[in-house]
Amino acid sequence: MNTIKILTLSLALGLLIAGTSCAPKKDAAAETKLSEVKEAASVKTMTATTETITRYIDFTSSLIAFEEVHLAPSAPGRIEKINVEIGNNVRKDQVVALMDRTNLETAKINMLKLETDFKRLETLKQSNSIADQQYDQIKSAYEIAKTSYQFLLDNTQLKAPFSGVISGKYFEDGEIYSGAPIPSVGKAAIVSIIQINQLKALISIASNYYPMVKVGMKADVKSEIYPDLIVNGDIYRIYPTIDNATKTFTVEVKIPNSDLKLRPGMFSKIQLNLGQGSAILVPNIAIIKQTGTNDMFVFLNKNNVAVKTPVKTGRMIDDRIEVTEGIAEGDEVIVVGQNKLENQVAIIIKN
């Protein structure tokens, strides 16, 4: 009898212990489930779609003269007279400087003498009164004398190769031109001439735009000195190679400047119109910049999980920005609550 009581008490005690040990496990599971619900972040999303936009790319550049030349004779000599001063306008073929003409006069006298001899022998040649060899010798000497005279003439009278403005004068009348480079320009010169009734700007464009850029394409040019002035330029030269280090190619933009408001050295902003194209646009706030880098990323909703996705961006259009890589049409981009997210955390989409 006592044995039965002891067994009954042991069984009851065992059931009580089992019951109490099971209860905390159920509560822990419930608490874990509740914790998971609490950790799910509340966000808003938008679906990425492709839109038609007018493509622009923006650049900054300093304006430079459309043409520039540093005039100098081919050989050292005494400068007889410089006919211009800095800031003077010159026309094409105008004589801007004269070099010593002693050698020129000597060459002219020699040329005229040979010209007379040649004409006399030419008369004799017609009547077959002179040997061909003698005639040919005089003819050759006369041609050489003419070439020598023309060479000295071109290097004695320095002419402007185009209409422009004198931008530099490095000698005075009577000084000796030595042929040494001028430190400020890095070249030998007596005067420098620039063309400023039209200017140009050199811009470097990313290689992926190479198929889109064409000669004649329009470009809007603004100067920081005249913020309300927009000048319509155009691309007139595209360099044929891609820089291996920067993966860019160079383009020259021609800028009309008939009123001479713009000047070489002015800082400018240039906007190039690439025409119509398609793009994925997202709100600016959806793009997050990686701390300490220039890397950009967004969070996408993948089955109620936030997935951190690197992106590359293009042009800003109002309060939206073009995404060129990283997002496809139909992706669900998180646009509210993304700043508090971490990769692969659970999310709840709210309306």
Protein backbone atom coordinates (compact mmCIF):
# COMPACT_ATOMS: atom_id res chain seq x y z
CA MET A 1 0.00 0.00 0.00
CA ASN A 2 2.77 2.37 0.91
CA THR A 3 4.54 1.42 -2.28
CA ILE A 4 1.48 2.42 -4.39
CA LYS A 5 1.31 5.83 -2.64
CA ILE A 6 4.97 6.48 -3.29
CA LEU A 7 4.58 5.63 -7.00
CA THR A 8 1.50 7.86 -7.30
CA LEU A 9 3.31 10.79 -5.71
CA SER A 10 6.37 10.30 -7.97
CA LEU A 11 4.19 10.22 -11.09
CA ALA A 12 2.38 13.41 -10.12
CA LEU A 13 5.65 15.17 -9.34
CA GLY A 14 7.06 14.13 -12.74
CA LEU A 15 4.04 15.47 -14.58
CA LEU A 16 4.32 18.76 -12.70
CA ILE A 17 8.01 19.13 -13.58
CA ALA A 18 7.33 18.28 -17.25
CA GLY A 19 4.54 20.83 -17.43
CA THR A 20 6.64 23.61 -15.99
CA SER A 21 9.59 22.82 -18.28
CA CYS A 22 7.42 22.98 -21.45
CA ALA A 23 5.77 26.31 -20.67
CA PRO A 24 8.90 28.52 -21.03
CA LYS A 25 9.73 26.96 -24.44
CA LYS A 26 6.35 28.00 -25.85
CA ASP A 27 6.77 31.48 -24.44
CA ALA A 28 10.31 31.80 -25.95
CA ALA A 29 9.06 30.82 -29.40
CA ALA A 30 6.29 33.35 -29.14
CA GLU A 31 8.70 36.04 -28.02
CA THR A 32 11.05 35.25 -30.96
CA LYS A 33 8.19 35.52 -33.42
CA LEU A 34 7.12 38.82 -31.88
CA SER A 35 10.70 40.08 -32.00
CA GLU A 36 10.92 39.28 -35.74
CA VAL A 37 7.75 41.29 -36.38
CA LYS A 38 9.13 44.22 -34.42
CA GLU A 39 12.48 44.17 -36.34
CA ALA A 40 10.83 44.33 -39.81
CA ALA A 41 11.27 47.93 -41.05
CA SER A 42 8.35 49.86 -42.46
CA VAL A 43 9.15 51.34 -45.93
CA LYS A 44 7.59 52.70 -49.09
CA THR A 45 8.59 51.59 -52.59
CA MET A 46 8.17 52.54 -56.23
CA THR A 47 8.45 50.45 -59.39
CA ALA A 48 11.27 51.44 -61.74
CA THR A 49 10.03 52.30 -65.24
CA THR A 50 11.76 53.48 -68.41
CA GLU A 51 11.00 57.04 -69.51
CA THR A 52 11.86 59.10 -72.60
CA ILE A 53 14.12 62.04 -71.78
CA THR A 54 16.25 64.61 -73.57
CA ARG A 55 19.83 63.64 -72.81
CA TYR A 56 22.26 66.33 -71.72
CA ILE A 57 25.79 66.06 -70.39
CA ASP A 58 27.46 68.97 -68.59
CA PHE A 59 31.12 69.99 -68.60
CA THR A 60 33.33 72.78 -67.33
CA SER A 61 36.19 74.22 -69.36
CA SER A 62 38.27 77.35 -69.84
CA LEU A 63 37.78 79.15 -73.14
CA ILE A 64 40.77 79.39 -75.47
CA ALA A 65 41.48 81.31 -78.67
CA PHE A 66 40.17 79.61 -81.78
CA GLU A 67 43.56 80.12 -83.44
CA GLU A 68 46.90 81.26 -82.01
CA VAL A 69 50.25 81.78 -83.69
CA HIS A 70 53.68 82.92 -82.49
CA LEU A 71 55.32 84.75 -85.38
CA ALA A 72 59.08 84.51 -85.86
CA PRO A 73 61.52 84.42 -88.80
CA SER A 74 63.30 81.20 -89.67
CA ALA A 75 66.74 82.61 -88.79
CA PRO A 76 68.11 85.00 -86.14
CA GLY A 77 68.65 88.62 -87.13
CA ARG A 78 68.13 92.26 -86.30
CA ILE A 79 64.55 93.48 -85.98
CA GLU A 80 64.12 96.58 -88.13
CA LYS A 81 60.59 97.54 -87.07
CA ILE A 82 57.56 96.07 -85.27
CA ASN A 83 54.40 97.68 -86.61
CA VAL A 84 51.98 96.61 -83.84
CA GLU A 85 51.40 96.82 -80.10
CA ILE A 86 49.61 94.47 -77.72
CA GLY A 87 45.85 94.77 -78.18
CA ASN A 88 46.03 95.97 -81.81
CA ASN A 89 43.69 94.33 -84.31
CA VAL A 90 45.38 92.95 -87.41
CA ARG A 91 43.98 91.67 -90.68
CA LYS A 92 45.12 88.65 -92.62
CA ASP A 93 48.39 89.21 -94.56
CA GLN A 94 49.12 92.49 -92.78
CA VAL A 95 52.87 93.04 -92.22
CA VAL A 96 53.36 93.09 -88.46
CA ALA A 97 57.18 93.18 -88.32
CA LEU A 98 60.16 93.84 -90.59
CA MET A 99 63.55 92.17 -90.18
CA ASP A 100 66.88 93.53 -91.42
CA ARG A 101 66.72 93.64 -95.23
CA THR A 102 70.42 93.55 -96.10
CA ASN A 103 70.38 89.91 -97.22
CA LEU A 104 67.06 90.46 -98.94
CA GLU A 105 68.45 93.30 -101.07
CA THR A 106 71.49 91.21 -101.99
CA ALA A 107 69.24 88.31 -103.01
CA LYS A 108 67.05 90.66 -105.04
CA ILE A 109 70.02 92.07 -106.96
CA ASN A 110 71.27 88.55 -107.69
CA MET A 111 67.83 87.42 -108.82
CA LEU A 112 67.38 90.43 -111.16
CA LYS A 113 70.82 89.85 -112.72
CA LEU A 114 70.04 86.17 -113.37
CA GLU A 115 66.61 87.13 -114.70
CA THR A 116 68.25 89.41 -117.27
CA ASP A 117 70.73 86.70 -118.25
CA PHE A 118 67.98 84.12 -118.55
CA LYS A 119 65.81 86.31 -120.77
CA ARG A 120 68.79 87.02 -123.10
CA LEU A 121 69.61 83.32 -123.35
CA GLU A 122 65.95 82.48 -123.87
CA THR A 123 66.01 84.65 -127.03
CA LEU A 124 69.13 82.86 -128.22
CA LYS A 125 67.53 79.52 -127.43
CA GLN A 126 64.65 80.25 -129.78
CA SER A 127 67.11 80.76 -132.63
CA ASN A 128 69.18 77.71 -131.64
CA SER A 129 72.20 79.96 -131.06
CA ILE A 130 73.05 78.53 -127.63
CA ALA A 131 73.79 75.08 -126.29
CA ASP A 132 71.08 73.39 -124.26
CA GLN A 133 73.47 72.78 -121.36
CA GLN A 134 74.29 76.49 -121.00
CA TYR A 135 70.61 77.42 -121.19
CA ASP A 136 69.66 74.85 -118.57
CA GLN A 137 72.38 76.06 -116.19
CA ILE A 138 71.20 79.67 -116.34
CA LYS A 139 67.57 78.58 -116.00
CA SER A 140 68.35 76.52 -112.86
CA ALA A 141 70.39 79.34 -111.32
CA TYR A 142 67.54 81.78 -111.95
CA GLU A 143 64.94 79.44 -110.37
CA ILE A 144 67.17 78.99 -107.29
CA ALA A 145 67.65 82.77 -107.02
CA LYS A 146 63.87 83.34 -107.17
CA THR A 147 63.27 80.74 -104.46
CA SER A 148 65.98 82.23 -102.25
CA TYR A 149 64.58 85.73 -102.68
CA GLN A 150 61.03 84.62 -101.87
CA PHE A 151 62.25 82.77 -98.78
CA LEU A 152 64.09 85.86 -97.50
CA LEU A 153 61.10 88.04 -98.33
CA ASP A 154 58.75 85.80 -96.33
CA ASN A 155 61.14 85.87 -93.37
CA THR A 156 61.85 89.59 -93.59
CA GLN A 157 58.21 90.66 -93.75
CA LEU A 158 56.30 88.81 -91.03
CA LYS A 159 52.62 88.72 -92.04
CA ALA A 160 49.57 87.81 -90.00
CA PRO A 161 48.25 84.40 -91.18
CA PHE A 162 44.70 85.31 -90.07
CA SER A 163 42.76 88.29 -88.75
CA GLY A 164 43.06 88.63 -85.00
CA VAL A 165 44.50 90.53 -82.04
CA ILE A 166 48.12 90.97 -80.95
CA SER A 167 48.37 89.13 -77.62
CA GLY A 168 52.12 89.37 -77.07
CA LYS A 169 55.09 91.53 -78.13
CA TYR A 170 58.49 90.31 -76.98
CA PHE A 171 61.04 92.64 -78.68
CA GLU A 172 61.49 96.29 -79.60
CA ASP A 173 62.76 97.93 -82.78
CA GLY A 174 66.47 97.40 -83.35
CA GLU A 175 66.85 94.41 -81.02
CA ILE A 176 68.40 91.13 -82.14
CA TYR A 177 66.10 88.16 -82.47
CA SER A 178 68.13 85.16 -81.32
CA GLY A 179 65.69 82.32 -81.99
CA ALA A 180 65.54 81.33 -78.31
CA PRO A 181 62.09 80.35 -76.90
CA ILE A 182 60.13 83.01 -75.02
CA PRO A 183 59.56 81.65 -71.46
CA SER A 184 55.93 82.84 -71.24
CA VAL A 185 54.87 80.99 -74.40
CA GLY A 186 57.49 78.25 -74.62
CA LYS A 187 58.23 79.02 -78.27
CA ALA A 188 60.42 81.37 -80.25
CA ALA A 189 58.42 84.47 -81.24
CA ILE A 190 58.56 88.20 -81.92
CA VAL A 191 54.79 88.69 -81.58
CA SER A 192 51.78 86.46 -80.85
CA ILE A 193 48.40 86.71 -82.57
CA ILE A 194 45.12 85.19 -81.41
CA GLN A 195 41.72 84.94 -83.04
CA ILE A 196 38.92 85.82 -80.61
CA ASN A 197 35.91 86.65 -82.80
CA GLN A 198 35.30 82.96 -82.29
CA LEU A 199 36.63 80.84 -79.45
CA LYS A 200 36.80 77.16 -78.62
CA ALA A 201 36.69 74.87 -75.61
CA LEU A 202 38.17 71.41 -75.20
CA ILE A 203 36.02 68.94 -73.27
CA SER A 204 36.68 65.33 -72.28
CA ILE A 205 33.71 62.98 -72.70
CA ALA A 206 33.31 59.47 -71.27
CA SER A 207 33.98 56.80 -73.89
CA ASN A 208 30.48 55.29 -73.64
CA TYR A 209 29.12 58.45 -75.32
CA TYR A 210 31.41 58.10 -78.36
CA PRO A 211 28.74 56.63 -80.69
CA MET A 212 26.33 59.47 -79.80
CA VAL A 213 28.62 62.47 -80.34
CA LYS A 214 28.67 63.89 -83.88
CA VAL A 215 30.29 66.87 -85.61
CA GLY A 216 27.76 69.72 -85.75
CA MET A 217 26.03 68.72 -82.52
CA LYS A 218 24.85 71.81 -80.59
CA ALA A 219 26.27 72.91 -77.25
CA ASP A 220 25.05 75.67 -74.91
CA VAL A 221 27.88 77.69 -73.38
CA LYS A 222 27.64 79.87 -70.26
CA SER A 223 30.32 82.04 -68.67
CA GLU A 224 30.46 82.73 -64.95
CA ILE A 225 31.04 86.41 -65.77
CA TYR A 226 27.79 86.61 -67.79
CA PRO A 227 25.46 84.16 -65.97
CA ASP A 228 22.41 85.18 -68.04
CA LEU A 229 24.17 84.88 -71.40
CA ILE A 230 23.82 81.58 -73.29
CA VAL A 231 25.94 81.20 -76.44
CA ASN A 232 25.07 78.50 -78.96
CA GLY A 233 28.22 76.65 -79.99
CA ASP A 234 28.70 73.40 -81.87
CA ILE A 235 31.13 70.50 -82.06
CA TYR A 236 33.50 70.93 -84.99
CA ARG A 237 36.23 68.39 -84.18
CA ILE A 238 36.21 64.97 -82.47
CA TYR A 239 39.55 63.41 -81.56
CA PRO A 240 39.85 59.87 -82.98
CA THR A 241 41.30 58.08 -79.92
CA ILE A 242 40.20 57.16 -76.39
CA ASP A 243 42.59 58.07 -73.57
CA ASN A 244 43.61 54.75 -72.03
CA ALA A 245 44.07 56.19 -68.52
CA THR A 246 40.83 58.18 -68.23
CA LYS A 247 38.68 56.32 -70.80
CA THR A 248 37.61 59.64 -72.28
CA PHE A 249 37.90 61.28 -75.69
CA THR A 250 38.40 64.96 -76.49
CA VAL A 251 35.99 67.17 -78.39
CA GLU A 252 36.52 70.75 -79.58
CA VAL A 253 33.51 73.07 -79.32
CA LYS A 254 33.46 76.16 -81.57
CA ILE A 255 31.91 79.22 -79.90
CA PRO A 256 30.88 82.34 -81.87
CA ASN A 257 32.02 85.60 -80.26
CA SER A 258 31.30 88.41 -82.73
CA ASP A 259 30.48 90.88 -79.94
CA LEU A 260 33.79 89.98 -78.20
CA LYS A 261 32.14 89.63 -74.78
CA LEU A 262 33.90 86.34 -74.13
CA ARG A 263 37.67 86.15 -73.81
CA PRO A 264 40.27 83.38 -73.67
CA GLY A 265 40.82 82.15 -70.13
CA MET A 266 37.22 82.68 -69.00
CA PHE A 267 35.70 79.75 -67.08
CA SER A 268 32.64 78.29 -68.80
CA LYS A 269 29.95 75.68 -68.34
CA ILE A 270 29.05 73.68 -71.44
CA GLN A 271 25.91 71.60 -71.89
CA LEU A 272 25.82 69.12 -74.76
CA ASN A 273 22.45 68.02 -76.17
CA LEU A 274 22.56 64.33 -77.13
CA GLY A 275 18.93 64.19 -78.28
CA GLN A 276 16.11 61.90 -77.12
CA GLY A 277 16.81 58.72 -75.18
CA SER A 278 15.35 56.34 -72.62
CA ALA A 279 16.32 56.22 -68.96
CA ILE A 280 15.28 54.93 -65.55
CA LEU A 281 14.68 57.80 -63.11
CA VAL A 282 14.34 57.49 -59.34
CA PRO A 283 13.89 60.13 -56.63
CA ASN A 284 17.15 61.69 -55.44
CA ILE A 285 16.41 60.57 -51.87
CA ALA A 286 16.46 56.91 -52.94
CA ILE A 287 20.18 57.13 -53.76
CA ILE A 288 22.53 56.60 -50.80
CA LYS A 289 26.24 57.44 -50.91
CA GLN A 290 28.64 54.99 -49.29
CA THR A 291 30.42 56.77 -46.44
CA GLY A 292 34.02 57.68 -47.30
CA THR A 293 33.67 56.79 -51.00
CA ASN A 294 31.91 57.98 -54.14
CA ASP A 295 30.02 54.68 -54.45
CA MET A 296 26.23 54.91 -54.72
CA PHE A 297 23.60 52.30 -53.89
CA VAL A 298 19.85 51.79 -53.44
CA PHE A 299 17.77 49.25 -51.57
CA LEU A 300 15.49 47.00 -53.63
CA ASN A 301 12.56 45.01 -52.28
CA LYS A 302 13.12 41.30 -52.95
CA ASN A 303 10.31 39.24 -51.39
CA ASN A 304 9.95 41.65 -48.45
CA VAL A 305 13.69 41.73 -47.86
CA ALA A 306 15.82 44.87 -48.42
CA VAL A 307 18.69 44.11 -50.81
CA LYS A 308 21.54 46.64 -51.04
CA THR A 309 22.30 47.22 -54.74
CA PRO A 310 25.21 49.29 -56.16
CA VAL A 311 24.22 51.74 -58.91
CA LYS A 312 25.78 54.24 -61.28
CA THR A 313 24.01 57.54 -61.84
CA GLY A 314 23.73 60.08 -64.64
CA ARG A 315 22.06 63.45 -64.94
CA MET A 316 19.74 65.01 -62.38
CA ILE A 317 16.32 66.07 -63.69
CA ASP A 318 14.45 68.20 -61.16
CA ASP A 319 14.11 66.04 -58.01
CA ARG A 320 14.98 62.79 -59.79
CA ILE A 321 18.22 61.25 -60.98
CA GLU A 322 19.03 58.94 -63.88
CA VAL A 323 20.29 55.47 -62.97
CA THR A 324 22.53 54.15 -65.75
CA GLU A 325 23.54 50.84 -64.14
CA GLY A 326 22.24 48.62 -61.31
CA ILE A 327 18.46 48.87 -61.75
CA ALA A 328 16.24 47.23 -64.35
CA GLU A 329 12.72 48.13 -65.37
CA GLY A 330 10.24 46.53 -62.95
CA ASP A 331 12.57 46.56 -59.92
CA GLU A 332 10.92 47.74 -56.71
CA VAL A 333 13.02 50.58 -55.28
CA ILE A 334 12.68 51.59 -51.64
CA VAL A 335 12.13 55.36 -51.54
CA VAL A 336 11.06 55.95 -47.91
CA GLY A 337 12.80 54.46 -44.89
CA GLN A 338 15.90 53.36 -46.80
CA ASN A 339 18.34 55.36 -44.67
CA LYS A 340 17.69 53.12 -41.64
CA LEU A 341 18.01 49.83 -43.50
CA GLU A 342 20.76 47.26 -43.58
CA ASN A 343 21.32 44.65 -46.22
CA GLN A 344 19.01 41.59 -46.09
CA VAL A 345 16.75 42.90 -43.31
CA ALA A 346 13.02 42.14 -43.37
CA ILE A 347 10.73 44.96 -44.44
CA ILE A 348 7.03 45.76 -44.38
CA ILE A 349 5.60 47.73 -47.31
CA LYS A 350 3.23 50.47 -46.25
CA ASN A 351 0.91 52.46 -48.50
